[in-house]
């Protein structure tokens, strides 16, 4: 009897693990990423790296996840979890300092190059 309980418990754990993995894969597949703003071409560093501000929306079971990201690629750089959808986020690049300023409802965020620079 104990062995049957152990087998059933392991089977339930296995099914839950498979369901959770499937959910993670599906959520990643239906996530939406947009480019909010990119640093102007004349301000690009000599290495040819184009820095951009990205916004990714990932739907979830209980809540939607919003991630703001500054970097050279959609999966590299500085990441922030934020409570705002892409439509509420704007980014500009200062022409003198070449730093991004990100505007969200009720707040403005200026990021120094040391924070997002990919070396």
Foldseek 3Di string as FASTA:
>chain_A
DVVVVVVVVVVVVVVVVVVVVVQVVVQVVPKDKDWQAWQDPVPDDPVPQIWTWMWIWGDDDVGIWIKIAIERDPVDWDIDTDDDHSVQKHWDADPPQRWIWIDGVPDIDTDHCVRTPDD
